[in-house]
Amino acid sequence: MGKIPNMEEYMNYMKTVDTMKDDIYRYLNFNEIQSFREISGTS
């Protein structure tokens, strides 16, 4: 964008992020991702 969005622009963008919330949260659980556990040595 190159600028700070106004409230309307931000809310429109967040609608698309909200549809991915289950996947986004899942990817933040690095301890549950096998490839990350192998690299970190905690598998």
N, C-alpha and C. Protein backbone atom coordinates (compact mmCIF):
# COMPACT_ATOMS: atom_id res chain seq x y z
N MET A 1 0.82 -1.20 0.00
CA MET A 1 0.00 0.00 0.00
C MET A 1 0.86 1.26 0.00
N GLY A 2 1.89 1.30 0.81
CA GLY A 2 2.74 2.47 0.86
C GLY A 2 2.21 3.57 1.76
N LYS A 3 1.15 3.30 2.49
CA LYS A 3 0.58 4.30 3.41
C LYS A 3 -0.16 3.58 4.52
N ILE A 4 -0.44 4.28 5.57
CA ILE A 4 -1.25 3.71 6.65
C ILE A 4 -2.70 3.73 6.18
N PRO A 5 -3.36 2.59 6.21
CA PRO A 5 -4.75 2.55 5.73
C PRO A 5 -5.70 3.25 6.70
N ASN A 6 -6.77 3.77 6.13
CA ASN A 6 -7.80 4.33 7.01
C ASN A 6 -8.63 3.16 7.55
N MET A 7 -9.55 3.44 8.42
CA MET A 7 -10.32 2.39 9.08
C MET A 7 -11.05 1.50 8.08
N GLU A 8 -11.67 2.08 7.08
CA GLU A 8 -12.42 1.30 6.09
C GLU A 8 -11.50 0.36 5.32
N GLU A 9 -10.34 0.87 4.88
CA GLU A 9 -9.38 0.04 4.15
C GLU A 9 -8.88 -1.11 5.03
N TYR A 10 -8.57 -0.78 6.27
CA TYR A 10 -8.08 -1.79 7.20
C TYR A 10 -9.12 -2.88 7.44
N MET A 11 -10.35 -2.50 7.68
CA MET A 11 -11.40 -3.48 7.94
C MET A 11 -11.65 -4.36 6.71
N ASN A 12 -11.59 -3.80 5.51
CA ASN A 12 -11.74 -4.59 4.30
C ASN A 12 -10.62 -5.61 4.17
N TYR A 13 -9.40 -5.20 4.48
CA TYR A 13 -8.26 -6.12 4.44
C TYR A 13 -8.41 -7.22 5.49
N MET A 14 -8.86 -6.87 6.68
CA MET A 14 -8.98 -7.84 7.75
C MET A 14 -10.06 -8.88 7.48
N LYS A 15 -11.02 -8.56 6.64
CA LYS A 15 -12.04 -9.55 6.26
C LYS A 15 -11.39 -10.74 5.58
N THR A 16 -10.39 -10.49 4.73
CA THR A 16 -9.72 -11.60 4.04
C THR A 16 -8.81 -12.36 5.00
N VAL A 17 -8.18 -11.68 5.93
CA VAL A 17 -7.33 -12.35 6.91
C VAL A 17 -8.18 -13.21 7.83
N ASP A 18 -9.36 -12.71 8.20
CA ASP A 18 -10.24 -13.44 9.11
C ASP A 18 -10.66 -14.78 8.54
N THR A 19 -10.77 -14.89 7.22
CA THR A 19 -11.17 -16.17 6.62
C THR A 19 -10.04 -17.19 6.71
N MET A 20 -8.83 -16.74 6.99
CA MET A 20 -7.68 -17.64 7.09
C MET A 20 -7.24 -17.86 8.54
N LYS A 21 -8.03 -17.39 9.51
CA LYS A 21 -7.58 -17.39 10.89
C LYS A 21 -7.23 -18.77 11.43
N ASP A 22 -7.94 -19.80 11.03
CA ASP A 22 -7.62 -21.14 11.53
C ASP A 22 -6.26 -21.62 11.02
N ASP A 23 -5.96 -21.33 9.76
CA ASP A 23 -4.66 -21.71 9.20
C ASP A 23 -3.53 -20.88 9.78
N ILE A 24 -3.77 -19.58 9.94
CA ILE A 24 -2.73 -18.70 10.49
C ILE A 24 -2.39 -19.14 11.90
N TYR A 25 -3.38 -19.39 12.72
CA TYR A 25 -3.12 -19.81 14.09
C TYR A 25 -2.38 -21.14 14.12
N ARG A 26 -2.74 -22.04 13.25
CA ARG A 26 -2.10 -23.35 13.21
C ARG A 26 -0.62 -23.21 12.91
N TYR A 27 -0.28 -22.30 12.00
CA TYR A 27 1.13 -22.12 11.65
C TYR A 27 1.93 -21.43 12.73
N LEU A 28 1.28 -20.80 13.69
CA LEU A 28 2.00 -20.18 14.80
C LEU A 28 2.37 -21.20 15.87
N ASN A 29 1.82 -22.38 15.80
CA ASN A 29 2.14 -23.45 16.75
C ASN A 29 3.34 -24.24 16.24
N PHE A 30 4.50 -23.60 16.26
CA PHE A 30 5.70 -24.21 15.69
C PHE A 30 6.02 -25.55 16.35
N ASN A 31 5.71 -25.70 17.61
CA ASN A 31 6.00 -26.95 18.30
C ASN A 31 5.19 -28.12 17.75
N GLU A 32 4.15 -27.85 16.97
CA GLU A 32 3.34 -28.91 16.38
C GLU A 32 3.71 -29.21 14.93
N ILE A 33 4.63 -28.44 14.36
CA ILE A 33 5.04 -28.64 12.98
C ILE A 33 6.27 -29.54 12.98
N GLN A 34 6.14 -30.73 12.39
CA GLN A 34 7.19 -31.74 12.44
C GLN A 34 8.52 -31.22 11.89
N SER A 35 8.50 -30.51 10.77
CA SER A 35 9.75 -30.03 10.17
C SER A 35 10.46 -29.05 11.11
N PHE A 36 9.71 -28.23 11.81
CA PHE A 36 10.32 -27.29 12.77
C PHE A 36 10.90 -28.07 13.94
N ARG A 37 10.19 -29.07 14.41
CA ARG A 37 10.68 -29.86 15.54
C ARG A 37 11.97 -30.59 15.17
N GLU A 38 12.07 -31.07 13.95
CA GLU A 38 13.29 -31.76 13.53
C GLU A 38 14.47 -30.78 13.49
N ILE A 39 14.26 -29.58 12.97
CA ILE A 39 15.32 -28.59 12.89
C ILE A 39 15.75 -28.14 14.29
N SER A 40 14.78 -27.98 15.17
CA SER A 40 15.10 -27.48 16.51
C SER A 40 15.65 -28.56 17.42
N GLY A 41 15.56 -29.82 16.99
CA GLY A 41 16.08 -30.92 17.79
C GLY A 41 15.15 -31.36 18.91
N THR A 42 13.86 -31.04 18.79
CA THR A 42 12.89 -31.41 19.82
C THR A 42 11.90 -32.46 19.34
N SER A 43 12.24 -33.17 18.27
CA SER A 43 11.28 -34.14 17.73
C SER A 43 11.27 -35.42 18.51
